[in-house]
Amino acid sequence: PTLENYEVTCHTKQENSIIVSFSC
C-alpha cells in the first residue's frame, strides 16, 4: 500500500509519451 517512485511511461491524449513517477 505504499508504492513509491515507480517510473512509468504514459501517453497523453495527443499520443505523446511521457515518463511519470508514481506514488500509490
PDBML (XML) file of the C-alpha atoms, coordinates in Angstrom:
<?xml version="1.0" encoding="UTF-8" ?>
<PDBx:datablock datablockName="MODEL"
   xmlns:PDBx="http://pdbml.pdb.org/schema/pdbx-v50.xsd"
   xmlns:xsi="http://www.w3.org/2001/XMLSchema-instance"
   xsi:schemaLocation="http://pdbml.pdb.org/schema/pdbx-v50.xsd pdbx-v50.xsd">
   <PDBx:atom_siteCategory>
      <PDBx:atom_site id="1">
         <PDBx:B_iso_or_equiv>0.00</PDBx:B_iso_or_equiv>
         <PDBx:Cartn_x>0.000</PDBx:Cartn_x>
         <PDBx:Cartn_y>0.000</PDBx:Cartn_y>
         <PDBx:Cartn_z>0.000</PDBx:Cartn_z>
         <PDBx:auth_asym_id>A</PDBx:auth_asym_id>
         <PDBx:auth_atom_id>CA</PDBx:auth_atom_id>
         <PDBx:auth_comp_id>PRO</PDBx:auth_comp_id>
         <PDBx:auth_seq_id>1</PDBx:auth_seq_id>
         <PDBx:group_PDB>ATOM</PDBx:group_PDB>
         <PDBx:label_alt_id xsi:nil="true" />
         <PDBx:label_asym_id>A</PDBx:label_asym_id>
         <PDBx:label_atom_id>CA</PDBx:label_atom_id>
         <PDBx:label_comp_id>PRO</PDBx:label_comp_id>
         <PDBx:label_entity_id>1</PDBx:label_entity_id>
         <PDBx:label_seq_id>1</PDBx:label_seq_id>
         <PDBx:occupancy>1.00</PDBx:occupancy>
         <PDBx:pdbx_PDB_model_num>1</PDBx:pdbx_PDB_model_num>
         <PDBx:type_symbol>C</PDBx:type_symbol>
      </PDBx:atom_site>
      <PDBx:atom_site id="2">
         <PDBx:B_iso_or_equiv>0.00</PDBx:B_iso_or_equiv>
         <PDBx:Cartn_x>2.970</PDBx:Cartn_x>
         <PDBx:Cartn_y>2.414</PDBx:Cartn_y>
         <PDBx:Cartn_z>-0.112</PDBx:Cartn_z>
         <PDBx:auth_asym_id>A</PDBx:auth_asym_id>
         <PDBx:auth_atom_id>CA</PDBx:auth_atom_id>
         <PDBx:auth_comp_id>THR</PDBx:auth_comp_id>
         <PDBx:auth_seq_id>2</PDBx:auth_seq_id>
         <PDBx:group_PDB>ATOM</PDBx:group_PDB>
         <PDBx:label_alt_id xsi:nil="true" />
         <PDBx:label_asym_id>A</PDBx:label_asym_id>
         <PDBx:label_atom_id>CA</PDBx:label_atom_id>
         <PDBx:label_comp_id>THR</PDBx:label_comp_id>
         <PDBx:label_entity_id>1</PDBx:label_entity_id>
         <PDBx:label_seq_id>2</PDBx:label_seq_id>
         <PDBx:occupancy>1.00</PDBx:occupancy>
         <PDBx:pdbx_PDB_model_num>1</PDBx:pdbx_PDB_model_num>
         <PDBx:type_symbol>C</PDBx:type_symbol>
      </PDBx:atom_site>
      <PDBx:atom_site id="3">
         <PDBx:B_iso_or_equiv>0.00</PDBx:B_iso_or_equiv>
         <PDBx:Cartn_x>4.324</PDBx:Cartn_x>
         <PDBx:Cartn_y>2.020</PDBx:Cartn_y>
         <PDBx:Cartn_z>-3.631</PDBx:Cartn_z>
         <PDBx:auth_asym_id>A</PDBx:auth_asym_id>
         <PDBx:auth_atom_id>CA</PDBx:auth_atom_id>
         <PDBx:auth_comp_id>LEU</PDBx:auth_comp_id>
         <PDBx:auth_seq_id>3</PDBx:auth_seq_id>
         <PDBx:group_PDB>ATOM</PDBx:group_PDB>
         <PDBx:label_alt_id xsi:nil="true" />
         <PDBx:label_asym_id>A</PDBx:label_asym_id>
         <PDBx:label_atom_id>CA</PDBx:label_atom_id>
         <PDBx:label_comp_id>LEU</PDBx:label_comp_id>
         <PDBx:label_entity_id>1</PDBx:label_entity_id>
         <PDBx:label_seq_id>3</PDBx:label_seq_id>
         <PDBx:occupancy>1.00</PDBx:occupancy>
         <PDBx:pdbx_PDB_model_num>1</PDBx:pdbx_PDB_model_num>
         <PDBx:type_symbol>C</PDBx:type_symbol>
      </PDBx:atom_site>
      <PDBx:atom_site id="4">
         <PDBx:B_iso_or_equiv>0.00</PDBx:B_iso_or_equiv>
         <PDBx:Cartn_x>6.718</PDBx:Cartn_x>
         <PDBx:Cartn_y>4.914</PDBx:Cartn_y>
         <PDBx:Cartn_z>-4.201</PDBx:Cartn_z>
         <PDBx:auth_asym_id>A</PDBx:auth_asym_id>
         <PDBx:auth_atom_id>CA</PDBx:auth_atom_id>
         <PDBx:auth_comp_id>GLU</PDBx:auth_comp_id>
         <PDBx:auth_seq_id>4</PDBx:auth_seq_id>
         <PDBx:group_PDB>ATOM</PDBx:group_PDB>
         <PDBx:label_alt_id xsi:nil="true" />
         <PDBx:label_asym_id>A</PDBx:label_asym_id>
         <PDBx:label_atom_id>CA</PDBx:label_atom_id>
         <PDBx:label_comp_id>GLU</PDBx:label_comp_id>
         <PDBx:label_entity_id>1</PDBx:label_entity_id>
         <PDBx:label_seq_id>4</PDBx:label_seq_id>
         <PDBx:occupancy>1.00</PDBx:occupancy>
         <PDBx:pdbx_PDB_model_num>1</PDBx:pdbx_PDB_model_num>
         <PDBx:type_symbol>C</PDBx:type_symbol>
      </PDBx:atom_site>
      <PDBx:atom_site id="5">
         <PDBx:B_iso_or_equiv>0.00</PDBx:B_iso_or_equiv>
         <PDBx:Cartn_x>8.549</PDBx:Cartn_x>
         <PDBx:Cartn_y>6.488</PDBx:Cartn_y>
         <PDBx:Cartn_z>-7.119</PDBx:Cartn_z>
         <PDBx:auth_asym_id>A</PDBx:auth_asym_id>
         <PDBx:auth_atom_id>CA</PDBx:auth_atom_id>
         <PDBx:auth_comp_id>ASN</PDBx:auth_comp_id>
         <PDBx:auth_seq_id>5</PDBx:auth_seq_id>
         <PDBx:group_PDB>ATOM</PDBx:group_PDB>
         <PDBx:label_alt_id xsi:nil="true" />
         <PDBx:label_asym_id>A</PDBx:label_asym_id>
         <PDBx:label_atom_id>CA</PDBx:label_atom_id>
         <PDBx:label_comp_id>ASN</PDBx:label_comp_id>
         <PDBx:label_entity_id>1</PDBx:label_entity_id>
         <PDBx:label_seq_id>5</PDBx:label_seq_id>
         <PDBx:occupancy>1.00</PDBx:occupancy>
         <PDBx:pdbx_PDB_model_num>1</PDBx:pdbx_PDB_model_num>
         <PDBx:type_symbol>C</PDBx:type_symbol>
      </PDBx:atom_site>
      <PDBx:atom_site id="6">
         <PDBx:B_iso_or_equiv>0.00</PDBx:B_iso_or_equiv>
         <PDBx:Cartn_x>7.621</PDBx:Cartn_x>
         <PDBx:Cartn_y>3.972</PDBx:Cartn_y>
         <PDBx:Cartn_z>-9.761</PDBx:Cartn_z>
         <PDBx:auth_asym_id>A</PDBx:auth_asym_id>
         <PDBx:auth_atom_id>CA</PDBx:auth_atom_id>
         <PDBx:auth_comp_id>TYR</PDBx:auth_comp_id>
         <PDBx:auth_seq_id>6</PDBx:auth_seq_id>
         <PDBx:group_PDB>ATOM</PDBx:group_PDB>
         <PDBx:label_alt_id xsi:nil="true" />
         <PDBx:label_asym_id>A</PDBx:label_asym_id>
         <PDBx:label_atom_id>CA</PDBx:label_atom_id>
         <PDBx:label_comp_id>TYR</PDBx:label_comp_id>
         <PDBx:label_entity_id>1</PDBx:label_entity_id>
         <PDBx:label_seq_id>6</PDBx:label_seq_id>
         <PDBx:occupancy>1.00</PDBx:occupancy>
         <PDBx:pdbx_PDB_model_num>1</PDBx:pdbx_PDB_model_num>
         <PDBx:type_symbol>C</PDBx:type_symbol>
      </PDBx:atom_site>
      <PDBx:atom_site id="7">
         <PDBx:B_iso_or_equiv>0.00</PDBx:B_iso_or_equiv>
         <PDBx:Cartn_x>8.632</PDBx:Cartn_x>
         <PDBx:Cartn_y>5.324</PDBx:Cartn_y>
         <PDBx:Cartn_z>-13.163</PDBx:Cartn_z>
         <PDBx:auth_asym_id>A</PDBx:auth_asym_id>
         <PDBx:auth_atom_id>CA</PDBx:auth_atom_id>
         <PDBx:auth_comp_id>GLU</PDBx:auth_comp_id>
         <PDBx:auth_seq_id>7</PDBx:auth_seq_id>
         <PDBx:group_PDB>ATOM</PDBx:group_PDB>
         <PDBx:label_alt_id xsi:nil="true" />
         <PDBx:label_asym_id>A</PDBx:label_asym_id>
         <PDBx:label_atom_id>CA</PDBx:label_atom_id>
         <PDBx:label_comp_id>GLU</PDBx:label_comp_id>
         <PDBx:label_entity_id>1</PDBx:label_entity_id>
         <PDBx:label_seq_id>7</PDBx:label_seq_id>
         <PDBx:occupancy>1.00</PDBx:occupancy>
         <PDBx:pdbx_PDB_model_num>1</PDBx:pdbx_PDB_model_num>
         <PDBx:type_symbol>C</PDBx:type_symbol>
      </PDBx:atom_site>
      <PDBx:atom_site id="8">
         <PDBx:B_iso_or_equiv>0.00</PDBx:B_iso_or_equiv>
         <PDBx:Cartn_x>6.053</PDBx:Cartn_x>
         <PDBx:Cartn_y>4.517</PDBx:Cartn_y>
         <PDBx:Cartn_z>-15.792</PDBx:Cartn_z>
         <PDBx:auth_asym_id>A</PDBx:auth_asym_id>
         <PDBx:auth_atom_id>CA</PDBx:auth_atom_id>
         <PDBx:auth_comp_id>VAL</PDBx:auth_comp_id>
         <PDBx:auth_seq_id>8</PDBx:auth_seq_id>
         <PDBx:group_PDB>ATOM</PDBx:group_PDB>
         <PDBx:label_alt_id xsi:nil="true" />
         <PDBx:label_asym_id>A</PDBx:label_asym_id>
         <PDBx:label_atom_id>CA</PDBx:label_atom_id>
         <PDBx:label_comp_id>VAL</PDBx:label_comp_id>
         <PDBx:label_entity_id>1</PDBx:label_entity_id>
         <PDBx:label_seq_id>8</PDBx:label_seq_id>
         <PDBx:occupancy>1.00</PDBx:occupancy>
         <PDBx:pdbx_PDB_model_num>1</PDBx:pdbx_PDB_model_num>
         <PDBx:type_symbol>C</PDBx:type_symbol>
      </PDBx:atom_site>
      <PDBx:atom_site id="9">
         <PDBx:B_iso_or_equiv>0.00</PDBx:B_iso_or_equiv>
         <PDBx:Cartn_x>5.634</PDBx:Cartn_x>
         <PDBx:Cartn_y>5.544</PDBx:Cartn_y>
         <PDBx:Cartn_z>-19.430</PDBx:Cartn_z>
         <PDBx:auth_asym_id>A</PDBx:auth_asym_id>
         <PDBx:auth_atom_id>CA</PDBx:auth_atom_id>
         <PDBx:auth_comp_id>THR</PDBx:auth_comp_id>
         <PDBx:auth_seq_id>9</PDBx:auth_seq_id>
         <PDBx:group_PDB>ATOM</PDBx:group_PDB>
         <PDBx:label_alt_id xsi:nil="true" />
         <PDBx:label_asym_id>A</PDBx:label_asym_id>
         <PDBx:label_atom_id>CA</PDBx:label_atom_id>
         <PDBx:label_comp_id>THR</PDBx:label_comp_id>
         <PDBx:label_entity_id>1</PDBx:label_entity_id>
         <PDBx:label_seq_id>9</PDBx:label_seq_id>
         <PDBx:occupancy>1.00</PDBx:occupancy>
         <PDBx:pdbx_PDB_model_num>1</PDBx:pdbx_PDB_model_num>
         <PDBx:type_symbol>C</PDBx:type_symbol>
      </PDBx:atom_site>
      <PDBx:atom_site id="10">
         <PDBx:B_iso_or_equiv>0.00</PDBx:B_iso_or_equiv>
         <PDBx:Cartn_x>2.226</PDBx:Cartn_x>
         <PDBx:Cartn_y>7.124</PDBx:Cartn_y>
         <PDBx:Cartn_z>-20.042</PDBx:Cartn_z>
         <PDBx:auth_asym_id>A</PDBx:auth_asym_id>
         <PDBx:auth_atom_id>CA</PDBx:auth_atom_id>
         <PDBx:auth_comp_id>CYS</PDBx:auth_comp_id>
         <PDBx:auth_seq_id>10</PDBx:auth_seq_id>
         <PDBx:group_PDB>ATOM</PDBx:group_PDB>
         <PDBx:label_alt_id xsi:nil="true" />
         <PDBx:label_asym_id>A</PDBx:label_asym_id>
         <PDBx:label_atom_id>CA</PDBx:label_atom_id>
         <PDBx:label_comp_id>CYS</PDBx:label_comp_id>
         <PDBx:label_entity_id>1</PDBx:label_entity_id>
         <PDBx:label_seq_id>10</PDBx:label_seq_id>
         <PDBx:occupancy>1.00</PDBx:occupancy>
         <PDBx:pdbx_PDB_model_num>1</PDBx:pdbx_PDB_model_num>
         <PDBx:type_symbol>C</PDBx:type_symbol>
      </PDBx:atom_site>
      <PDBx:atom_site id="11">
         <PDBx:B_iso_or_equiv>0.00</PDBx:B_iso_or_equiv>
         <PDBx:Cartn_x>0.561</PDBx:Cartn_x>
         <PDBx:Cartn_y>8.569</PDBx:Cartn_y>
         <PDBx:Cartn_z>-23.116</PDBx:Cartn_z>
         <PDBx:auth_asym_id>A</PDBx:auth_asym_id>
         <PDBx:auth_atom_id>CA</PDBx:auth_atom_id>
         <PDBx:auth_comp_id>HIS</PDBx:auth_comp_id>
         <PDBx:auth_seq_id>11</PDBx:auth_seq_id>
         <PDBx:group_PDB>ATOM</PDBx:group_PDB>
         <PDBx:label_alt_id xsi:nil="true" />
         <PDBx:label_asym_id>A</PDBx:label_asym_id>
         <PDBx:label_atom_id>CA</PDBx:label_atom_id>
         <PDBx:label_comp_id>HIS</PDBx:label_comp_id>
         <PDBx:label_entity_id>1</PDBx:label_entity_id>
         <PDBx:label_seq_id>11</PDBx:label_seq_id>
         <PDBx:occupancy>1.00</PDBx:occupancy>
         <PDBx:pdbx_PDB_model_num>1</PDBx:pdbx_PDB_model_num>
         <PDBx:type_symbol>C</PDBx:type_symbol>
      </PDBx:atom_site>
      <PDBx:atom_site id="12">
         <PDBx:B_iso_or_equiv>0.00</PDBx:B_iso_or_equiv>
         <PDBx:Cartn_x>-1.233</PDBx:Cartn_x>
         <PDBx:Cartn_y>11.857</PDBx:Cartn_y>
         <PDBx:Cartn_z>-23.456</PDBx:Cartn_z>
         <PDBx:auth_asym_id>A</PDBx:auth_asym_id>
         <PDBx:auth_atom_id>CA</PDBx:auth_atom_id>
         <PDBx:auth_comp_id>THR</PDBx:auth_comp_id>
         <PDBx:auth_seq_id>12</PDBx:auth_seq_id>
         <PDBx:group_PDB>ATOM</PDBx:group_PDB>
         <PDBx:label_alt_id xsi:nil="true" />
         <PDBx:label_asym_id>A</PDBx:label_asym_id>
         <PDBx:label_atom_id>CA</PDBx:label_atom_id>
         <PDBx:label_comp_id>THR</PDBx:label_comp_id>
         <PDBx:label_entity_id>1</PDBx:label_entity_id>
         <PDBx:label_seq_id>12</PDBx:label_seq_id>
         <PDBx:occupancy>1.00</PDBx:occupancy>
         <PDBx:pdbx_PDB_model_num>1</PDBx:pdbx_PDB_model_num>
         <PDBx:type_symbol>C</PDBx:type_symbol>
      </PDBx:atom_site>
      <PDBx:atom_site id="13">
         <PDBx:B_iso_or_equiv>0.00</PDBx:B_iso_or_equiv>
         <PDBx:Cartn_x>-4.323</PDBx:Cartn_x>
         <PDBx:Cartn_y>12.464</PDBx:Cartn_y>
         <PDBx:Cartn_z>-25.476</PDBx:Cartn_z>
         <PDBx:auth_asym_id>A</PDBx:auth_asym_id>
         <PDBx:auth_atom_id>CA</PDBx:auth_atom_id>
         <PDBx:auth_comp_id>LYS</PDBx:auth_comp_id>
         <PDBx:auth_seq_id>13</PDBx:auth_seq_id>
         <PDBx:group_PDB>ATOM</PDBx:group_PDB>
         <PDBx:label_alt_id xsi:nil="true" />
         <PDBx:label_asym_id>A</PDBx:label_asym_id>
         <PDBx:label_atom_id>CA</PDBx:label_atom_id>
         <PDBx:label_comp_id>LYS</PDBx:label_comp_id>
         <PDBx:label_entity_id>1</PDBx:label_entity_id>
         <PDBx:label_seq_id>13</PDBx:label_seq_id>
         <PDBx:occupancy>1.00</PDBx:occupancy>
         <PDBx:pdbx_PDB_model_num>1</PDBx:pdbx_PDB_model_num>
         <PDBx:type_symbol>C</PDBx:type_symbol>
      </PDBx:atom_site>
      <PDBx:atom_site id="14">
         <PDBx:B_iso_or_equiv>0.00</PDBx:B_iso_or_equiv>
         <PDBx:Cartn_x>-2.045</PDBx:Cartn_x>
         <PDBx:Cartn_y>13.767</PDBx:Cartn_y>
         <PDBx:Cartn_z>-28.246</PDBx:Cartn_z>
         <PDBx:auth_asym_id>A</PDBx:auth_asym_id>
         <PDBx:auth_atom_id>CA</PDBx:auth_atom_id>
         <PDBx:auth_comp_id>GLN</PDBx:auth_comp_id>
         <PDBx:auth_seq_id>14</PDBx:auth_seq_id>
         <PDBx:group_PDB>ATOM</PDBx:group_PDB>
         <PDBx:label_alt_id xsi:nil="true" />
         <PDBx:label_asym_id>A</PDBx:label_asym_id>
         <PDBx:label_atom_id>CA</PDBx:label_atom_id>
         <PDBx:label_comp_id>GLN</PDBx:label_comp_id>
         <PDBx:label_entity_id>1</PDBx:label_entity_id>
         <PDBx:label_seq_id>14</PDBx:label_seq_id>
         <PDBx:occupancy>1.00</PDBx:occupancy>
         <PDBx:pdbx_PDB_model_num>1</PDBx:pdbx_PDB_model_num>
         <PDBx:type_symbol>C</PDBx:type_symbol>
      </PDBx:atom_site>
      <PDBx:atom_site id="15">
         <PDBx:B_iso_or_equiv>0.00</PDBx:B_iso_or_equiv>
         <PDBx:Cartn_x>-0.233</PDBx:Cartn_x>
         <PDBx:Cartn_y>10.363</PDBx:Cartn_y>
         <PDBx:Cartn_z>-28.269</PDBx:Cartn_z>
         <PDBx:auth_asym_id>A</PDBx:auth_asym_id>
         <PDBx:auth_atom_id>CA</PDBx:auth_atom_id>
         <PDBx:auth_comp_id>GLU</PDBx:auth_comp_id>
         <PDBx:auth_seq_id>15</PDBx:auth_seq_id>
         <PDBx:group_PDB>ATOM</PDBx:group_PDB>
         <PDBx:label_alt_id xsi:nil="true" />
         <PDBx:label_asym_id>A</PDBx:label_asym_id>
         <PDBx:label_atom_id>CA</PDBx:label_atom_id>
         <PDBx:label_comp_id>GLU</PDBx:label_comp_id>
         <PDBx:label_entity_id>1</PDBx:label_entity_id>
         <PDBx:label_seq_id>15</PDBx:label_seq_id>
         <PDBx:occupancy>1.00</PDBx:occupancy>
         <PDBx:pdbx_PDB_model_num>1</PDBx:pdbx_PDB_model_num>
         <PDBx:type_symbol>C</PDBx:type_symbol>
      </PDBx:atom_site>
      <PDBx:atom_site id="16">
         <PDBx:B_iso_or_equiv>0.00</PDBx:B_iso_or_equiv>
         <PDBx:Cartn_x>2.926</PDBx:Cartn_x>
         <PDBx:Cartn_y>11.849</PDBx:Cartn_y>
         <PDBx:Cartn_z>-26.749</PDBx:Cartn_z>
         <PDBx:auth_asym_id>A</PDBx:auth_asym_id>
         <PDBx:auth_atom_id>CA</PDBx:auth_atom_id>
         <PDBx:auth_comp_id>ASN</PDBx:auth_comp_id>
         <PDBx:auth_seq_id>16</PDBx:auth_seq_id>
         <PDBx:group_PDB>ATOM</PDBx:group_PDB>
         <PDBx:label_alt_id xsi:nil="true" />
         <PDBx:label_asym_id>A</PDBx:label_asym_id>
         <PDBx:label_atom_id>CA</PDBx:label_atom_id>
         <PDBx:label_comp_id>ASN</PDBx:label_comp_id>
         <PDBx:label_entity_id>1</PDBx:label_entity_id>
         <PDBx:label_seq_id>16</PDBx:label_seq_id>
         <PDBx:occupancy>1.00</PDBx:occupancy>
         <PDBx:pdbx_PDB_model_num>1</PDBx:pdbx_PDB_model_num>
         <PDBx:type_symbol>C</PDBx:type_symbol>
      </PDBx:atom_site>
      <PDBx:atom_site id="17">
         <PDBx:B_iso_or_equiv>0.00</PDBx:B_iso_or_equiv>
         <PDBx:Cartn_x>4.931</PDBx:Cartn_x>
         <PDBx:Cartn_y>9.587</PDBx:Cartn_y>
         <PDBx:Cartn_z>-24.462</PDBx:Cartn_z>
         <PDBx:auth_asym_id>A</PDBx:auth_asym_id>
         <PDBx:auth_atom_id>CA</PDBx:auth_atom_id>
         <PDBx:auth_comp_id>SER</PDBx:auth_comp_id>
         <PDBx:auth_seq_id>17</PDBx:auth_seq_id>
         <PDBx:group_PDB>ATOM</PDBx:group_PDB>
         <PDBx:label_alt_id xsi:nil="true" />
         <PDBx:label_asym_id>A</PDBx:label_asym_id>
         <PDBx:label_atom_id>CA</PDBx:label_atom_id>
         <PDBx:label_comp_id>SER</PDBx:label_comp_id>
         <PDBx:label_entity_id>1</PDBx:label_entity_id>
         <PDBx:label_seq_id>17</PDBx:label_seq_id>
         <PDBx:occupancy>1.00</PDBx:occupancy>
         <PDBx:pdbx_PDB_model_num>1</PDBx:pdbx_PDB_model_num>
         <PDBx:type_symbol>C</PDBx:type_symbol>
      </PDBx:atom_site>
      <PDBx:atom_site id="18">
         <PDBx:B_iso_or_equiv>0.00</PDBx:B_iso_or_equiv>
         <PDBx:Cartn_x>5.767</PDBx:Cartn_x>
         <PDBx:Cartn_y>10.994</PDBx:Cartn_y>
         <PDBx:Cartn_z>-21.024</PDBx:Cartn_z>
         <PDBx:auth_asym_id>A</PDBx:auth_asym_id>
         <PDBx:auth_atom_id>CA</PDBx:auth_atom_id>
         <PDBx:auth_comp_id>ILE</PDBx:auth_comp_id>
         <PDBx:auth_seq_id>18</PDBx:auth_seq_id>
         <PDBx:group_PDB>ATOM</PDBx:group_PDB>
         <PDBx:label_alt_id xsi:nil="true" />
         <PDBx:label_asym_id>A</PDBx:label_asym_id>
         <PDBx:label_atom_id>CA</PDBx:label_atom_id>
         <PDBx:label_comp_id>ILE</PDBx:label_comp_id>
         <PDBx:label_entity_id>1</PDBx:label_entity_id>
         <PDBx:label_seq_id>18</PDBx:label_seq_id>
         <PDBx:occupancy>1.00</PDBx:occupancy>
         <PDBx:pdbx_PDB_model_num>1</PDBx:pdbx_PDB_model_num>
         <PDBx:type_symbol>C</PDBx:type_symbol>
      </PDBx:atom_site>
      <PDBx:atom_site id="19">
         <PDBx:B_iso_or_equiv>0.00</PDBx:B_iso_or_equiv>
         <PDBx:Cartn_x>7.541</PDBx:Cartn_x>
         <PDBx:Cartn_y>9.452</PDBx:Cartn_y>
         <PDBx:Cartn_z>-18.048</PDBx:Cartn_z>
         <PDBx:auth_asym_id>A</PDBx:auth_asym_id>
         <PDBx:auth_atom_id>CA</PDBx:auth_atom_id>
         <PDBx:auth_comp_id>ILE</PDBx:auth_comp_id>
         <PDBx:auth_seq_id>19</PDBx:auth_seq_id>
         <PDBx:group_PDB>ATOM</PDBx:group_PDB>
         <PDBx:label_alt_id xsi:nil="true" />
         <PDBx:label_asym_id>A</PDBx:label_asym_id>
         <PDBx:label_atom_id>CA</PDBx:label_atom_id>
         <PDBx:label_comp_id>ILE</PDBx:label_comp_id>
         <PDBx:label_entity_id>1</PDBx:label_entity_id>
         <PDBx:label_seq_id>19</PDBx:label_seq_id>
         <PDBx:occupancy>1.00</PDBx:occupancy>
         <PDBx:pdbx_PDB_model_num>1</PDBx:pdbx_PDB_model_num>
         <PDBx:type_symbol>C</PDBx:type_symbol>
      </PDBx:atom_site>
      <PDBx:atom_site id="20">
         <PDBx:B_iso_or_equiv>0.00</PDBx:B_iso_or_equiv>
         <PDBx:Cartn_x>5.707</PDBx:Cartn_x>
         <PDBx:Cartn_y>9.836</PDBx:Cartn_y>
         <PDBx:Cartn_z>-14.748</PDBx:Cartn_z>
         <PDBx:auth_asym_id>A</PDBx:auth_asym_id>
         <PDBx:auth_atom_id>CA</PDBx:auth_atom_id>
         <PDBx:auth_comp_id>VAL</PDBx:auth_comp_id>
         <PDBx:auth_seq_id>20</PDBx:auth_seq_id>
         <PDBx:group_PDB>ATOM</PDBx:group_PDB>
         <PDBx:label_alt_id xsi:nil="true" />
         <PDBx:label_asym_id>A</PDBx:label_asym_id>
         <PDBx:label_atom_id>CA</PDBx:label_atom_id>
         <PDBx:label_comp_id>VAL</PDBx:label_comp_id>
         <PDBx:label_entity_id>1</PDBx:label_entity_id>
         <PDBx:label_seq_id>20</PDBx:label_seq_id>
         <PDBx:occupancy>1.00</PDBx:occupancy>
         <PDBx:pdbx_PDB_model_num>1</PDBx:pdbx_PDB_model_num>
         <PDBx:type_symbol>C</PDBx:type_symbol>
      </PDBx:atom_site>
      <PDBx:atom_site id="21">
         <PDBx:B_iso_or_equiv>0.00</PDBx:B_iso_or_equiv>
         <PDBx:Cartn_x>6.955</PDBx:Cartn_x>
         <PDBx:Cartn_y>8.905</PDBx:Cartn_y>
         <PDBx:Cartn_z>-11.274</PDBx:Cartn_z>
         <PDBx:auth_asym_id>A</PDBx:auth_asym_id>
         <PDBx:auth_atom_id>CA</PDBx:auth_atom_id>
         <PDBx:auth_comp_id>SER</PDBx:auth_comp_id>
         <PDBx:auth_seq_id>21</PDBx:auth_seq_id>
         <PDBx:group_PDB>ATOM</PDBx:group_PDB>
         <PDBx:label_alt_id xsi:nil="true" />
         <PDBx:label_asym_id>A</PDBx:label_asym_id>
         <PDBx:label_atom_id>CA</PDBx:label_atom_id>
         <PDBx:label_comp_id>SER</PDBx:label_comp_id>
         <PDBx:label_entity_id>1</PDBx:label_entity_id>
         <PDBx:label_seq_id>21</PDBx:label_seq_id>
         <PDBx:occupancy>1.00</PDBx:occupancy>
         <PDBx:pdbx_PDB_model_num>1</PDBx:pdbx_PDB_model_num>
         <PDBx:type_symbol>C</PDBx:type_symbol>
      </PDBx:atom_site>
      <PDBx:atom_site id="22">
         <PDBx:B_iso_or_equiv>0.00</PDBx:B_iso_or_equiv>
         <PDBx:Cartn_x>4.012</PDBx:Cartn_x>
         <PDBx:Cartn_y>7.498</PDBx:Cartn_y>
         <PDBx:Cartn_z>-9.324</PDBx:Cartn_z>
         <PDBx:auth_asym_id>A</PDBx:auth_asym_id>
         <PDBx:auth_atom_id>CA</PDBx:auth_atom_id>
         <PDBx:auth_comp_id>PHE</PDBx:auth_comp_id>
         <PDBx:auth_seq_id>22</PDBx:auth_seq_id>
         <PDBx:group_PDB>ATOM</PDBx:group_PDB>
         <PDBx:label_alt_id xsi:nil="true" />
         <PDBx:label_asym_id>A</PDBx:label_asym_id>
         <PDBx:label_atom_id>CA</PDBx:label_atom_id>
         <PDBx:label_comp_id>PHE</PDBx:label_comp_id>
         <PDBx:label_entity_id>1</PDBx:label_entity_id>
         <PDBx:label_seq_id>22</PDBx:label_seq_id>
         <PDBx:occupancy>1.00</PDBx:occupancy>
         <PDBx:pdbx_PDB_model_num>1</PDBx:pdbx_PDB_model_num>
         <PDBx:type_symbol>C</PDBx:type_symbol>
      </PDBx:atom_site>
      <PDBx:atom_site id="23">
         <PDBx:B_iso_or_equiv>0.00</PDBx:B_iso_or_equiv>
         <PDBx:Cartn_x>3.453</PDBx:Cartn_x>
         <PDBx:Cartn_y>7.052</PDBx:Cartn_y>
         <PDBx:Cartn_z>-5.609</PDBx:Cartn_z>
         <PDBx:auth_asym_id>A</PDBx:auth_asym_id>
         <PDBx:auth_atom_id>CA</PDBx:auth_atom_id>
         <PDBx:auth_comp_id>SER</PDBx:auth_comp_id>
         <PDBx:auth_seq_id>23</PDBx:auth_seq_id>
         <PDBx:group_PDB>ATOM</PDBx:group_PDB>
         <PDBx:label_alt_id xsi:nil="true" />
         <PDBx:label_asym_id>A</PDBx:label_asym_id>
         <PDBx:label_atom_id>CA</PDBx:label_atom_id>
         <PDBx:label_comp_id>SER</PDBx:label_comp_id>
         <PDBx:label_entity_id>1</PDBx:label_entity_id>
         <PDBx:label_seq_id>23</PDBx:label_seq_id>
         <PDBx:occupancy>1.00</PDBx:occupancy>
         <PDBx:pdbx_PDB_model_num>1</PDBx:pdbx_PDB_model_num>
         <PDBx:type_symbol>C</PDBx:type_symbol>
      </PDBx:atom_site>
      <PDBx:atom_site id="24">
         <PDBx:B_iso_or_equiv>0.00</PDBx:B_iso_or_equiv>
         <PDBx:Cartn_x>0.387</PDBx:Cartn_x>
         <PDBx:Cartn_y>4.959</PDBx:Cartn_y>
         <PDBx:Cartn_z>-4.898</PDBx:Cartn_z>
         <PDBx:auth_asym_id>A</PDBx:auth_asym_id>
         <PDBx:auth_atom_id>CA</PDBx:auth_atom_id>
         <PDBx:auth_comp_id>CYS</PDBx:auth_comp_id>
         <PDBx:auth_seq_id>24</PDBx:auth_seq_id>
         <PDBx:group_PDB>ATOM</PDBx:group_PDB>
         <PDBx:label_alt_id xsi:nil="true" />
         <PDBx:label_asym_id>A</PDBx:label_asym_id>
         <PDBx:label_atom_id>CA</PDBx:label_atom_id>
         <PDBx:label_comp_id>CYS</PDBx:label_comp_id>
         <PDBx:label_entity_id>1</PDBx:label_entity_id>
         <PDBx:label_seq_id>24</PDBx:label_seq_id>
         <PDBx:occupancy>1.00</PDBx:occupancy>
         <PDBx:pdbx_PDB_model_num>1</PDBx:pdbx_PDB_model_num>
         <PDBx:type_symbol>C</PDBx:type_symbol>
      </PDBx:atom_site>
   </PDBx:atom_siteCategory>
</PDBx:datablock>
